[in-house]
N, C-alpha and C. Protein backbone atom coordinates (compact mmCIF):
# COMPACT_ATOMS: atom_id res chain seq x y z
N UNK A 1 -17.13 17.33 -13.93
CA UNK A 1 -15.68 17.26 -14.20
C UNK A 1 -14.97 16.60 -13.01
N UNK A 2 -15.26 17.09 -11.80
CA UNK A 2 -14.61 16.56 -10.61
C UNK A 2 -14.94 15.09 -10.39
N UNK A 3 -16.19 14.72 -10.61
CA UNK A 3 -16.63 13.34 -10.40
C UNK A 3 -15.92 12.39 -11.37
N UNK A 4 -15.85 12.79 -12.65
CA UNK A 4 -15.21 11.93 -13.65
C UNK A 4 -13.73 11.79 -13.36
N UNK A 5 -13.10 12.86 -12.86
CA UNK A 5 -11.67 12.81 -12.52
C UNK A 5 -11.45 11.83 -11.37
N UNK A 6 -12.32 11.89 -10.36
CA UNK A 6 -12.24 10.99 -9.20
C UNK A 6 -12.43 9.55 -9.66
N UNK A 7 -13.42 9.34 -10.56
CA UNK A 7 -13.70 8.01 -11.09
C UNK A 7 -12.49 7.47 -11.84
N UNK A 8 -11.83 8.35 -12.61
CA UNK A 8 -10.65 7.95 -13.38
C UNK A 8 -9.52 7.52 -12.44
N UNK A 9 -9.34 8.27 -11.37
CA UNK A 9 -8.31 7.92 -10.38
C UNK A 9 -8.61 6.55 -9.76
N UNK A 10 -9.88 6.33 -9.42
CA UNK A 10 -10.30 5.06 -8.83
C UNK A 10 -10.07 3.92 -9.82
N UNK A 11 -10.43 4.16 -11.09
CA UNK A 11 -10.26 3.14 -12.13
C UNK A 11 -8.79 2.78 -12.29
N UNK A 12 -7.93 3.82 -12.28
CA UNK A 12 -6.48 3.58 -12.39
C UNK A 12 -5.99 2.70 -11.24
N UNK A 13 -6.48 2.97 -10.04
CA UNK A 13 -6.10 2.18 -8.85
C UNK A 13 -6.56 0.74 -9.01
N UNK A 14 -7.80 0.56 -9.49
CA UNK A 14 -8.36 -0.78 -9.67
C UNK A 14 -7.55 -1.54 -10.72
N UNK A 15 -7.21 -0.86 -11.83
CA UNK A 15 -6.43 -1.51 -12.91
C UNK A 15 -5.07 -1.94 -12.37
N UNK A 16 -4.43 -1.07 -11.58
CA UNK A 16 -3.12 -1.40 -10.99
C UNK A 16 -3.25 -2.62 -10.08
N UNK A 17 -4.33 -2.66 -9.28
CA UNK A 17 -4.56 -3.77 -8.36
C UNK A 17 -4.77 -5.07 -9.14
N UNK A 18 -5.57 -4.99 -10.21
CA UNK A 18 -5.84 -6.16 -11.05
C UNK A 18 -4.54 -6.68 -11.65
N UNK A 19 -3.69 -5.77 -12.14
CA UNK A 19 -2.41 -6.18 -12.72
C UNK A 19 -1.52 -6.85 -11.69
N UNK A 20 -1.52 -6.32 -10.45
CA UNK A 20 -0.72 -6.92 -9.37
C UNK A 20 -1.19 -8.35 -9.09
N UNK A 21 -2.50 -8.54 -9.00
CA UNK A 21 -3.07 -9.87 -8.75
C UNK A 21 -2.72 -10.81 -9.89
N UNK A 22 -2.83 -10.30 -11.13
CA UNK A 22 -2.51 -11.09 -12.33
C UNK A 22 -1.05 -11.54 -12.32
N UNK A 23 -0.15 -10.60 -11.98
CA UNK A 23 1.29 -10.91 -11.92
C UNK A 23 1.58 -11.97 -10.85
N UNK A 24 0.95 -11.83 -9.69
CA UNK A 24 1.15 -12.79 -8.59
C UNK A 24 0.66 -14.17 -9.01
N UNK A 25 -0.49 -14.23 -9.69
CA UNK A 25 -1.04 -15.51 -10.15
C UNK A 25 -0.08 -16.18 -11.14
N UNK A 26 0.48 -15.38 -12.07
CA UNK A 26 1.42 -15.93 -13.06
C UNK A 26 2.65 -16.48 -12.35
N UNK A 27 3.21 -15.71 -11.41
CA UNK A 27 4.40 -16.14 -10.67
C UNK A 27 4.11 -17.43 -9.90
N UNK A 28 2.97 -17.48 -9.22
CA UNK A 28 2.60 -18.67 -8.45
C UNK A 28 2.45 -19.89 -9.35
N UNK A 29 1.78 -19.72 -10.49
CA UNK A 29 1.59 -20.85 -11.41
C UNK A 29 2.93 -21.32 -11.97
N UNK A 30 3.83 -20.38 -12.25
CA UNK A 30 5.17 -20.72 -12.75
C UNK A 30 5.93 -21.53 -11.70
N UNK A 31 5.86 -21.08 -10.46
CA UNK A 31 6.54 -21.77 -9.36
C UNK A 31 5.97 -23.18 -9.18
N UNK A 32 4.65 -23.30 -9.24
CA UNK A 32 4.00 -24.60 -9.08
C UNK A 32 4.40 -25.54 -10.21
N UNK A 33 4.39 -25.03 -11.45
CA UNK A 33 4.78 -25.83 -12.61
C UNK A 33 6.24 -26.26 -12.49
N UNK A 34 7.11 -25.31 -12.09
CA UNK A 34 8.55 -25.60 -11.96
C UNK A 34 8.79 -26.66 -10.88
N UNK A 35 8.17 -26.49 -9.73
CA UNK A 35 8.35 -27.46 -8.64
C UNK A 35 7.74 -28.81 -9.04
N UNK A 36 6.65 -28.78 -9.79
CA UNK A 36 6.02 -30.01 -10.27
C UNK A 36 6.95 -30.75 -11.21
N UNK A 37 7.60 -29.99 -12.12
CA UNK A 37 8.54 -30.61 -13.06
C UNK A 37 9.75 -31.19 -12.35
N UNK A 38 10.28 -30.48 -11.36
CA UNK A 38 11.43 -30.97 -10.62
C UNK A 38 11.05 -32.21 -9.81
N UNK A 39 9.80 -32.28 -9.37
CA UNK A 39 9.33 -33.45 -8.62
C UNK A 39 9.21 -34.66 -9.54
N UNK A 40 8.79 -34.41 -10.80
CA UNK A 40 8.62 -35.51 -11.77
C UNK A 40 9.99 -36.06 -12.20
N UNK A 41 10.90 -35.14 -12.56
CA UNK A 41 12.21 -35.58 -13.06
C UNK A 41 13.23 -35.82 -11.95
């Protein structure tokens, strides 16, 4: 019981970290695309 609970906590932390990285990647790609478009036009 204790081990599975600890594993669940760890998994939650990993999922949160993955989401943070995913959000940062989306923001960076949006910024790059936006700056690229402004450079073209």
